[in-house]
C-alpha atoms as a PDB file:
ATOM      1  CA  UNK A   1      27.603  27.796 -42.933  1.00  0.00           C
ATOM      2  CA  UNK A   2      30.170  28.485 -41.152  1.00  0.00           C
ATOM      3  CA  UNK A   3      28.430  30.698 -38.742  1.00  0.00           C
ATOM      4  CA  UNK A   4      25.689  28.010 -38.113  1.00  0.00           C
ATOM      5  CA  UNK A   5      28.222  25.495 -37.507  1.00  0.00           C
ATOM      6  CA  UNK A   6      30.323  27.980 -34.829  1.00  0.00           C
ATOM      7  CA  UNK A   7      27.130  28.831 -33.133  1.00  0.00           C
ATOM      8  CA  UNK A   8      26.111  25.050 -32.786  1.00  0.00           C
ATOM      9  CA  UNK A   9      29.764  24.264 -31.526  1.00  0.00           C
ATOM     10  CA  UNK A  10      29.148  27.108 -28.755  1.00  0.00           C
ATOM     11  CA  UNK A  11      26.037  25.736 -27.712  1.00  0.00           C
ATOM     12  CA  UNK A  12      27.341  22.634 -27.287  1.00  0.00           C
ATOM     13  CA  UNK A  13      30.128  23.568 -24.943  1.00  0.00           C
ATOM     14  CA  UNK A  14      28.105  25.714 -23.092  1.00  0.00           C
ATOM     15  CA  UNK A  15      25.846  22.768 -22.482  1.00  0.00           C
ATOM     16  CA  UNK A  16      28.778  20.543 -21.933  1.00  0.00           C
ATOM     17  CA  UNK A  17      27.556  18.283 -24.766  1.00  0.00           C
ATOM     18  CA  UNK A  18      29.198  16.730 -27.876  1.00  0.00           C
ATOM     19  CA  UNK A  19      27.825  18.391 -30.767  1.00  0.00           C
ATOM     20  CA  UNK A  20      26.519  15.602 -32.255  1.00  0.00           C
ATOM     21  CA  UNK A  21      23.920  15.136 -29.575  1.00  0.00           C
ATOM     22  CA  UNK A  22      22.453  18.522 -31.031  1.00  0.00           C
ATOM     23  CA  UNK A  23      21.303  16.793 -34.034  1.00  0.00           C
ATOM     24  CA  UNK A  24      19.658  13.892 -32.208  1.00  0.00           C
ATOM     25  CA  UNK A  25      16.360  12.464 -33.183  1.00  0.00           C
ATOM     26  CA  UNK A  26      14.585   9.502 -31.564  1.00  0.00           C
ATOM     27  CA  UNK A  27      15.100   6.242 -33.300  1.00  0.00           C
ATOM     28  CA  UNK A  28      11.997   4.922 -32.416  1.00  0.00           C
ATOM     29  CA  UNK A  29       9.196   7.850 -32.395  1.00  0.00           C
ATOM     30  CA  UNK A  30       6.025   5.763 -32.937  1.00  0.00           C
ATOM     31  CA  UNK A  31       6.959   3.392 -30.390  1.00  0.00           C
ATOM     32  CA  UNK A  32       7.692   5.451 -27.862  1.00  0.00           C
ATOM     33  CA  UNK A  33       4.520   7.224 -28.645  1.00  0.00           C
ATOM     34  CA  UNK A  34       2.719   4.039 -28.317  1.00  0.00           C
ATOM     35  CA  UNK A  35       4.478   3.537 -24.925  1.00  0.00           C
ATOM     36  CA  UNK A  36       3.294   6.774 -23.682  1.00  0.00           C
ATOM     37  CA  UNK A  37      -0.194   6.310 -24.628  1.00  0.00           C
ATOM     38  CA  UNK A  38       0.101   2.934 -22.466  1.00  0.00           C
ATOM     39  CA  UNK A  39       1.311   4.720 -19.539  1.00  0.00           C
ATOM     40  CA  UNK A  40      -0.839   7.448 -19.524  1.00  0.00           C
ATOM     41  CA  UNK A  41      -3.756   4.702 -19.877  1.00  0.00           C
ATOM     42  CA  UNK A  42      -2.620   2.788 -16.497  1.00  0.00           C
ATOM     43  CA  UNK A  43      -2.124   6.420 -14.812  1.00  0.00           C
ATOM     44  CA  UNK A  44      -5.626   7.682 -15.838  1.00  0.00           C
ATOM     45  CA  UNK A  45      -6.998   4.449 -13.791  1.00  0.00           C
ATOM     46  CA  UNK A  46      -4.482   4.273 -11.507  1.00  0.00           C
ATOM     47  CA  UNK A  47      -3.311   8.108 -10.053  1.00  0.00           C
ATOM     48  CA  UNK A  48      -0.975   7.000  -7.622  1.00  0.00           C
ATOM     49  CA  UNK A  49       0.850   4.726  -9.431  1.00  0.00           C
ATOM     50  CA  UNK A  50       4.747   5.290  -9.947  1.00  0.00           C
ATOM     51  CA  UNK A  51       7.070   3.832 -12.550  1.00  0.00           C
ATOM     52  CA  UNK A  52       6.953   0.598 -10.806  1.00  0.00           C
ATOM     53  CA  UNK A  53       3.480  -0.086 -10.753  1.00  0.00           C
ATOM     54  CA  UNK A  54       3.553   0.947 -13.867  1.00  0.00           C
ATOM     55  CA  UNK A  55       5.880  -1.731 -15.164  1.00  0.00           C
ATOM     56  CA  UNK A  56       4.267  -4.211 -13.628  1.00  0.00           C
ATOM     57  CA  UNK A  57       0.565  -3.468 -15.286  1.00  0.00           C
ATOM     58  CA  UNK A  58       2.268  -3.589 -18.684  1.00  0.00           C
ATOM     59  CA  UNK A  59       4.420  -6.220 -17.945  1.00  0.00           C
ATOM     60  CA  UNK A  60       7.684  -4.305 -19.207  1.00  0.00           C
ATOM     61  CA  UNK A  61      10.988  -3.276 -17.672  1.00  0.00           C
ATOM     62  CA  UNK A  62      10.953  -0.486 -15.593  1.00  0.00           C
ATOM     63  CA  UNK A  63      14.370   1.486 -17.516  1.00  0.00           C
ATOM     64  CA  UNK A  64      11.575   2.499 -20.896  1.00  0.00           C
ATOM     65  CA  UNK A  65       9.023   3.225 -18.268  1.00  0.00           C
ATOM     66  CA  UNK A  66      10.879   5.636 -16.342  1.00  0.00           C
ATOM     67  CA  UNK A  67      12.520   6.962 -19.607  1.00  0.00           C
ATOM     68  CA  UNK A  68       9.182   8.294 -20.844  1.00  0.00           C
ATOM     69  CA  UNK A  69       7.994   9.271 -17.734  1.00  0.00           C
ATOM     70  CA  UNK A  70      11.205  11.405 -17.541  1.00  0.00           C
ATOM     71  CA  UNK A  71      10.856  12.882 -21.136  1.00  0.00           C
ATOM     72  CA  UNK A  72       7.225  13.761 -20.732  1.00  0.00           C
ATOM     73  CA  UNK A  73       7.510  14.816 -17.565  1.00  0.00           C
ATOM     74  CA  UNK A  74       4.828  12.057 -16.279  1.00  0.00           C
ATOM     75  CA  UNK A  75       4.362  11.672 -12.652  1.00  0.00           C
ATOM     76  CA  UNK A  76       1.613  10.038 -10.018  1.00  0.00           C
ATOM     77  CA  UNK A  77      -1.452  12.519  -9.658  1.00  0.00           C
ATOM     78  CA  UNK A  78      -1.543  11.626  -6.041  1.00  0.00           C
ATOM     79  CA  UNK A  79       1.560  11.871  -3.927  1.00  0.00           C
ATOM     80  CA  UNK A  80       2.023  11.511  -0.046  1.00  0.00           C
ATOM     81  CA  UNK A  81       3.477  13.826   2.286  1.00  0.00           C
ATOM     82  CA  UNK A  82       5.995  13.011   5.150  1.00  0.00           C
ATOM     83  CA  UNK A  83       4.519  13.478   8.849  1.00  0.00           C
ATOM     84  CA  UNK A  84       7.005  14.036  11.523  1.00  0.00           C
ATOM     85  CA  UNK A  85       7.191  11.944  14.455  1.00  0.00           C
ATOM     86  CA  UNK A  86       5.190  12.482  17.325  1.00  0.00           C
ATOM     87  CA  UNK A  87       7.217  13.914  20.488  1.00  0.00           C
ATOM     88  CA  UNK A  88       5.700  11.779  22.991  1.00  0.00           C
ATOM     89  CA  UNK A  89       7.093   8.532  20.903  1.00  0.00           C
ATOM     90  CA  UNK A  90      10.354   9.680  21.838  1.00  0.00           C
ATOM     91  CA  UNK A  91      11.058   6.852  24.429  1.00  0.00           C
ATOM     92  CA  UNK A  92      11.313   3.719  23.382  1.00  0.00           C
ATOM     93  CA  UNK A  93      10.392   1.293  26.106  1.00  0.00           C
ATOM     94  CA  UNK A  94      10.376  -2.815  25.270  1.00  0.00           C
ATOM     95  CA  UNK A  95       6.952  -4.233  25.244  1.00  0.00           C
ATOM     96  CA  UNK A  96       6.492  -7.216  27.200  1.00  0.00           C
ATOM     97  CA  UNK A  97       4.704  -9.101  24.698  1.00  0.00           C
ATOM     98  CA  UNK A  98       6.920 -10.738  21.750  1.00  0.00           C
ATOM     99  CA  UNK A  99       7.112  -9.553  18.374  1.00  0.00           C
ATOM    100  CA  UNK A 100       6.410 -12.616  16.387  1.00  0.00           C
ATOM    101  CA  UNK A 101       7.378 -10.626  13.028  1.00  0.00           C
ATOM    102  CA  UNK A 102      10.991 -10.384  14.158  1.00  0.00           C
ATOM    103  CA  UNK A 103      11.150 -14.297  14.392  1.00  0.00           C
ATOM    104  CA  UNK A 104       9.251 -15.671  11.395  1.00  0.00           C
ATOM    105  CA  UNK A 105       7.975 -15.023   7.976  1.00  0.00           C
ATOM    106  CA  UNK A 106       4.293 -16.398   7.297  1.00  0.00           C
ATOM    107  CA  UNK A 107       4.200 -18.787   4.104  1.00  0.00           C
ATOM    108  CA  UNK A 108       0.674 -19.070   3.891  1.00  0.00           C
ATOM    109  CA  UNK A 109      -2.657 -16.981   4.962  1.00  0.00           C
ATOM    110  CA  UNK A 110      -3.864 -16.836   8.458  1.00  0.00           C
ATOM    111  CA  UNK A 111      -0.984 -17.180  10.455  1.00  0.00           C
ATOM    112  CA  UNK A 112      -0.129 -13.310  11.124  1.00  0.00           C
ATOM    113  CA  UNK A 113      -2.903 -10.657  11.054  1.00  0.00           C
ATOM    114  CA  UNK A 114      -1.900  -7.409  11.774  1.00  0.00           C
ATOM    115  CA  UNK A 115      -4.412  -4.600  12.865  1.00  0.00           C
ATOM    116  CA  UNK A 116      -4.120  -0.691  12.955  1.00  0.00           C
ATOM    117  CA  UNK A 117      -6.355   2.280  12.474  1.00  0.00           C
ATOM    118  CA  UNK A 118      -5.873   5.857  11.351  1.00  0.00           C
ATOM    119  CA  UNK A 119      -8.044   8.748  10.915  1.00  0.00           C
ATOM    120  CA  UNK A 120      -9.986  11.018   8.283  1.00  0.00           C
ATOM    121  CA  UNK A 121     -10.830  14.805   9.392  1.00  0.00           C
ATOM    122  CA  UNK A 122     -14.757  15.122   8.183  1.00  0.00           C
ATOM    123  CA  UNK A 123     -17.646  17.653   8.963  1.00  0.00           C
ATOM    124  CA  UNK A 124     -15.575  19.045  11.541  1.00  0.00           C
ATOM    125  CA  UNK A 125     -14.450  16.127  13.585  1.00  0.00           C
ATOM    126  CA  UNK A 126     -11.973  12.886  13.175  1.00  0.00           C
ATOM    127  CA  UNK A 127     -13.494   9.822  11.501  1.00  0.00           C
ATOM    128  CA  UNK A 128     -11.333   6.567  12.626  1.00  0.00           C
ATOM    129  CA  UNK A 129     -10.719   3.652  10.349  1.00  0.00           C
ATOM    130  CA  UNK A 130      -9.518   0.599  11.924  1.00  0.00           C
ATOM    131  CA  UNK A 131      -8.161  -2.382   9.412  1.00  0.00           C
ATOM    132  CA  UNK A 132      -6.812  -6.106   9.743  1.00  0.00           C
ATOM    133  CA  UNK A 133      -4.270  -7.367   7.159  1.00  0.00           C
ATOM    134  CA  UNK A 134      -3.175 -10.743   6.335  1.00  0.00           C
ATOM    135  CA  UNK A 135       0.124 -10.407   6.523  1.00  0.00           C
ATOM    136  CA  UNK A 136       1.368 -13.003   3.808  1.00  0.00           C
ATOM    137  CA  UNK A 137      -1.239 -12.293   1.125  1.00  0.00           C
ATOM    138  CA  UNK A 138      -1.704  -8.134   2.181  1.00  0.00           C
ATOM    139  CA  UNK A 139      -5.336  -8.379   1.978  1.00  0.00           C
ATOM    140  CA  UNK A 140      -7.580  -6.775   4.339  1.00  0.00           C
ATOM    141  CA  UNK A 141      -9.649  -8.892   5.744  1.00  0.00           C
ATOM    142  CA  UNK A 142     -11.857  -6.789   7.915  1.00  0.00           C
ATOM    143  CA  UNK A 143     -12.742  -3.140   8.923  1.00  0.00           C
ATOM    144  CA  UNK A 144     -14.546  -0.846  10.708  1.00  0.00           C
ATOM    145  CA  UNK A 145     -15.438   2.521  10.785  1.00  0.00           C
ATOM    146  CA  UNK A 146     -16.558   4.936  13.675  1.00  0.00           C
ATOM    147  CA  UNK A 147     -16.295   8.281  14.979  1.00  0.00           C
ATOM    148  CA  UNK A 148     -14.112   7.112  18.160  1.00  0.00           C
ATOM    149  CA  UNK A 149     -11.078   5.008  18.395  1.00  0.00           C
ATOM    150  CA  UNK A 150     -11.466   3.186  21.517  1.00  0.00           C
ATOM    151  CA  UNK A 151     -11.104  -0.428  21.773  1.00  0.00           C
ATOM    152  CA  UNK A 152     -14.690  -1.195  20.247  1.00  0.00           C
ATOM    153  CA  UNK A 153     -12.936   0.173  16.825  1.00  0.00           C
ATOM    154  CA  UNK A 154     -10.658  -1.925  16.226  1.00  0.00           C
ATOM    155  CA  UNK A 155     -12.269  -5.328  18.283  1.00  0.00           C
ATOM    156  CA  UNK A 156     -15.270  -4.445  15.707  1.00  0.00           C
ATOM    157  CA  UNK A 157     -12.709  -4.913  12.496  1.00  0.00           C
ATOM    158  CA  UNK A 158     -11.198  -7.866  13.886  1.00  0.00           C
ATOM    159  CA  UNK A 159     -14.942  -9.502  14.467  1.00  0.00           C
ATOM    160  CA  UNK A 160     -15.662  -8.545  10.944  1.00  0.00           C
ATOM    161  CA  UNK A 161     -12.530 -10.315   9.676  1.00  0.00           C
ATOM    162  CA  UNK A 162     -13.164 -13.069  11.437  1.00  0.00           C
ATOM    163  CA  UNK A 163     -16.992 -12.884   9.772  1.00  0.00           C
ATOM    164  CA  UNK A 164     -15.528 -12.211   6.107  1.00  0.00           C
ATOM    165  CA  UNK A 165     -12.841 -14.641   6.171  1.00  0.00           C
ATOM    166  CA  UNK A 166     -14.218 -17.704   8.531  1.00  0.00           C
ATOM    167  CA  UNK A 167     -10.825 -17.997   9.740  1.00  0.00           C
ATOM    168  CA  UNK A 168      -8.957 -17.010  13.053  1.00  0.00           C
ATOM    169  CA  UNK A 169      -5.152 -16.018  12.624  1.00  0.00           C
ATOM    170  CA  UNK A 170      -2.616 -17.681  14.760  1.00  0.00           C
ATOM    171  CA  UNK A 171      -0.655 -14.248  15.757  1.00  0.00           C
ATOM    172  CA  UNK A 172      -2.378 -10.819  16.256  1.00  0.00           C
ATOM    173  CA  UNK A 173       0.110  -7.995  15.610  1.00  0.00           C
ATOM    174  CA  UNK A 174      -0.400  -4.270  16.260  1.00  0.00           C
ATOM    175  CA  UNK A 175       1.320  -1.408  18.108  1.00  0.00           C
ATOM    176  CA  UNK A 176       1.204  -0.760  21.236  1.00  0.00           C
ATOM    177  CA  UNK A 177      -1.786   1.690  21.327  1.00  0.00           C
ATOM    178  CA  UNK A 178      -3.755   2.207  24.570  1.00  0.00           C
ATOM    179  CA  UNK A 179      -6.842   0.478  22.601  1.00  0.00           C
ATOM    180  CA  UNK A 180      -4.709  -2.598  21.620  1.00  0.00           C
ATOM    181  CA  UNK A 181      -2.654  -3.150  25.081  1.00  0.00           C
ATOM    182  CA  UNK A 182      -6.446  -2.881  27.214  1.00  0.00           C
ATOM    183  CA  UNK A 183      -7.165  -5.878  28.975  1.00  0.00           C
ATOM    184  CA  UNK A 184     -10.500  -5.995  26.856  1.00  0.00           C
ATOM    185  CA  UNK A 185      -8.892  -6.698  23.728  1.00  0.00           C
ATOM    186  CA  UNK A 186      -6.792  -9.058  25.246  1.00  0.00           C
ATOM    187  CA  UNK A 187      -9.549 -11.228  26.499  1.00  0.00           C
ATOM    188  CA  UNK A 188     -10.933 -10.771  22.591  1.00  0.00           C
ATOM    189  CA  UNK A 189      -7.960 -12.429  21.480  1.00  0.00           C
ATOM    190  CA  UNK A 190      -8.190 -14.703  24.176  1.00  0.00           C
ATOM    191  CA  UNK A 191     -11.830 -16.103  23.358  1.00  0.00           C
ATOM    192  CA  UNK A 192     -10.649 -16.726  20.056  1.00  0.00           C
ATOM    193  CA  UNK A 193      -7.112 -18.534  21.142  1.00  0.00           C
ATOM    194  CA  UNK A 194      -5.293 -15.887  19.313  1.00  0.00           C
ATOM    195  CA  UNK A 195      -1.389 -14.975  20.558  1.00  0.00           C
ATOM    196  CA  UNK A 196      -1.067 -11.056  20.808  1.00  0.00           C
ATOM    197  CA  UNK A 197       2.066  -9.440  18.863  1.00  0.00           C
ATOM    198  CA  UNK A 198       3.455  -6.039  19.519  1.00  0.00           C
ATOM    199  CA  UNK A 199       5.852  -3.658  17.954  1.00  0.00           C
ATOM    200  CA  UNK A 200       7.953  -1.528  19.927  1.00  0.00           C
ATOM    201  CA  UNK A 201       6.504   1.869  20.909  1.00  0.00           C
ATOM    202  CA  UNK A 202       7.704   4.360  18.591  1.00  0.00           C
ATOM    203  CA  UNK A 203       8.850   2.112  15.781  1.00  0.00           C
ATOM    204  CA  UNK A 204       6.170   2.403  12.896  1.00  0.00           C
ATOM    205  CA  UNK A 205       8.398   0.035  10.904  1.00  0.00           C
ATOM    206  CA  UNK A 206       7.980  -2.742  12.827  1.00  0.00           C
ATOM    207  CA  UNK A 207       4.048  -2.348  11.949  1.00  0.00           C
ATOM    208  CA  UNK A 208       4.996  -1.772   8.417  1.00  0.00           C
ATOM    209  CA  UNK A 209       2.500  -3.638   6.674  1.00  0.00           C
ATOM    210  CA  UNK A 210      -0.152  -1.410   7.883  1.00  0.00           C
ATOM    211  CA  UNK A 211       1.856   1.830   7.705  1.00  0.00           C
ATOM    212  CA  UNK A 212       2.195   1.103   4.024  1.00  0.00           C
ATOM    213  CA  UNK A 213      -0.845   0.331   3.574  1.00  0.00           C
ATOM    214  CA  UNK A 214      -2.429   3.131   5.299  1.00  0.00           C
ATOM    215  CA  UNK A 215       0.229   5.653   3.473  1.00  0.00           C
ATOM    216  CA  UNK A 216      -1.114   4.759   0.096  1.00  0.00           C
ATOM    217  CA  UNK A 217      -4.973   4.588   1.413  1.00  0.00           C
ATOM    218  CA  UNK A 218      -5.354   7.798   2.469  1.00  0.00           C
ATOM    219  CA  UNK A 219      -3.825   9.329  -0.544  1.00  0.00           C
ATOM    220  CA  UNK A 220      -5.918   7.499  -3.316  1.00  0.00           C
ATOM    221  CA  UNK A 221      -8.940   7.787  -0.900  1.00  0.00           C
ATOM    222  CA  UNK A 222      -8.196  11.796  -1.606  1.00  0.00           C
ATOM    223  CA  UNK A 223      -9.762  14.564   0.407  1.00  0.00           C
ATOM    224  CA  UNK A 224     -12.949  13.631   2.684  1.00  0.00           C
ATOM    225  CA  UNK A 225     -14.139  17.381   2.261  1.00  0.00           C
ATOM    226  CA  UNK A 226     -15.960  16.457  -1.147  1.00  0.00           C
ATOM    227  CA  UNK A 227     -18.416  14.397   0.521  1.00  0.00           C
ATOM    228  CA  UNK A 228     -21.779  15.704   1.559  1.00  0.00           C
ATOM    229  CA  UNK A 229     -22.565  13.207   4.159  1.00  0.00           C
ATOM    230  CA  UNK A 230     -20.719  10.679   6.227  1.00  0.00           C
ATOM    231  CA  UNK A 231     -22.892   7.914   4.244  1.00  0.00           C
ATOM    232  CA  UNK A 232     -20.547   8.707   1.221  1.00  0.00           C
ATOM    233  CA  UNK A 233     -17.386   8.803   2.975  1.00  0.00           C
ATOM    234  CA  UNK A 234     -17.880   5.321   4.360  1.00  0.00           C
ATOM    235  CA  UNK A 235     -18.821   4.041   0.622  1.00  0.00           C
ATOM    236  CA  UNK A 236     -15.686   5.849  -0.517  1.00  0.00           C
ATOM    237  CA  UNK A 237     -13.799   4.226   1.951  1.00  0.00           C
ATOM    238  CA  UNK A 238     -15.500   0.521   0.936  1.00  0.00           C
ATOM    239  CA  UNK A 239     -14.842   1.193  -2.489  1.00  0.00           C
ATOM    240  CA  UNK A 240     -11.180   2.124  -1.920  1.00  0.00           C
ATOM    241  CA  UNK A 241     -10.765  -1.001  -0.180  1.00  0.00           C
ATOM    242  CA  UNK A 242     -12.525  -3.162  -2.690  1.00  0.00           C
ATOM    243  CA  UNK A 243     -10.124  -1.454  -5.356  1.00  0.00           C
ATOM    244  CA  UNK A 244      -6.918  -2.295  -2.898  1.00  0.00           C
ATOM    245  CA  UNK A 245      -7.741  -6.126  -2.437  1.00  0.00           C
ATOM    246  CA  UNK A 246      -9.217  -6.630  -6.229  1.00  0.00           C
ATOM    247  CA  UNK A 247      -7.286  -4.636  -8.695  1.00  0.00           C
ATOM    248  CA  UNK A 248      -4.526  -2.449  -7.133  1.00  0.00           C
ATOM    249  CA  UNK A 249      -0.705  -4.171  -7.848  1.00  0.00           C
ATOM    250  CA  UNK A 250       1.171  -4.441  -4.604  1.00  0.00           C
ATOM    251  CA  UNK A 251       5.071  -3.734  -5.348  1.00  0.00           C
ATOM    252  CA  UNK A 252       5.857  -7.012  -2.919  1.00  0.00           C
ATOM    253  CA  UNK A 253       3.315  -9.450  -4.836  1.00  0.00           C
ATOM    254  CA  UNK A 254       3.491  -7.853  -7.977  1.00  0.00           C
ATOM    255  CA  UNK A 255      -0.341  -8.633  -8.766  1.00  0.00           C
ATOM    256  CA  UNK A 256      -3.445  -7.502  -6.404  1.00  0.00           C
ATOM    257  CA  UNK A 257      -3.481  -9.263  -2.751  1.00  0.00           C
ATOM    258  CA  UNK A 258      -6.829 -11.192  -3.857  1.00  0.00           C
ATOM    259  CA  UNK A 259      -5.076 -12.480  -7.094  1.00  0.00           C
ATOM    260  CA  UNK A 260      -2.248 -13.538  -4.960  1.00  0.00           C
ATOM    261  CA  UNK A 261      -4.305 -15.374  -2.869  1.00  0.00           C
ATOM    262  CA  UNK A 262      -5.763 -17.478  -5.469  1.00  0.00           C
ATOM    263  CA  UNK A 263      -3.256 -18.507  -7.072  1.00  0.00           C
ATOM    264  CA  UNK A 264      -1.703 -19.622  -3.743  1.00  0.00           C
ATOM    265  CA  UNK A 265      -5.191 -21.677  -2.880  1.00  0.00           C
ATOM    266  CA  UNK A 266      -4.512 -22.957  -6.632  1.00  0.00           C
ATOM    267  CA  UNK A 267      -1.233 -24.185  -6.310  1.00  0.00           C
ATOM    268  CA  UNK A 268      -2.579 -25.827  -2.953  1.00  0.00           C
ATOM    269  CA  UNK A 269      -4.964 -27.791  -4.666  1.00  0.00           C
ATOM    270  CA  UNK A 270      -2.903 -28.516  -7.413  1.00  0.00           C
ATOM    271  CA  UNK A 271      -0.430 -30.172  -5.071  1.00  0.00           C
ATOM    272  CA  UNK A 272      -2.844 -31.932  -2.758  1.00  0.00           C
ATOM    273  CA  UNK A 273      -3.976 -33.472  -6.182  1.00  0.00           C
ATOM    274  CA  UNK A 274      -1.045 -34.858  -7.463  1.00  0.00           C
ATOM    275  CA  UNK A 275      -0.299 -36.066  -3.974  1.00  0.00           C
ATOM    276  CA  UNK A 276      -3.328 -38.210  -3.973  1.00  0.00           C
ATOM    277  CA  UNK A 277      -2.370 -39.460  -7.242  1.00  0.00           C
END
């Protein structure tokens, strides 16, 4: 008995913990097992979810989620990589166009839209996906995909947004990419009475809505090389955008973009009805 006790004492001393902790047993193993099952179920459906989105999905505090994930080594299957700053973006000249996002925070849809595009490597070449996001609802309201990144790419994405929503924004925000600062794109915005807004060059955080979206979009879309035809990749992009808009929890909104938009519409209708009465 003394040998066992002395061994436990030595082990506890070596680990730097109290000897009593070596006899600890979880107080709620059944509850923990149930919570673990719930967590893994959410992670199976949403492989890029971390503890914050899982907590929102389960309507629980994030602390027990973190504890269970840490104990069982549960981590998102999809995790993003960091990317270095491009050498040609080291100079930061101020844009002549105002950055409206530094001056206001939209409180309704269709006040500010933001645009950007990203690339996907497939079948030995780059394919480009341009998207338009509503800054208030975080909904992707329009998109276009092509094998070039010209003004036509972003113009078609903007036109798609107008067609799908039946609306136009007051401002359209973008970076200073050559596609967005071209005279042709400026004429397109003028035709729709939309005022341009631009970030400072090499300041991606000033278009953080799109940057954040693409970071997760490419992660969750996965490797394009698993497809055999471009049509399959286009369909996968469409499905990923649909998942983002309808089902994926946005941590700022604590719900999907379309659910957030629907709640806004319901509140607006309820307020209008109350006012009339």
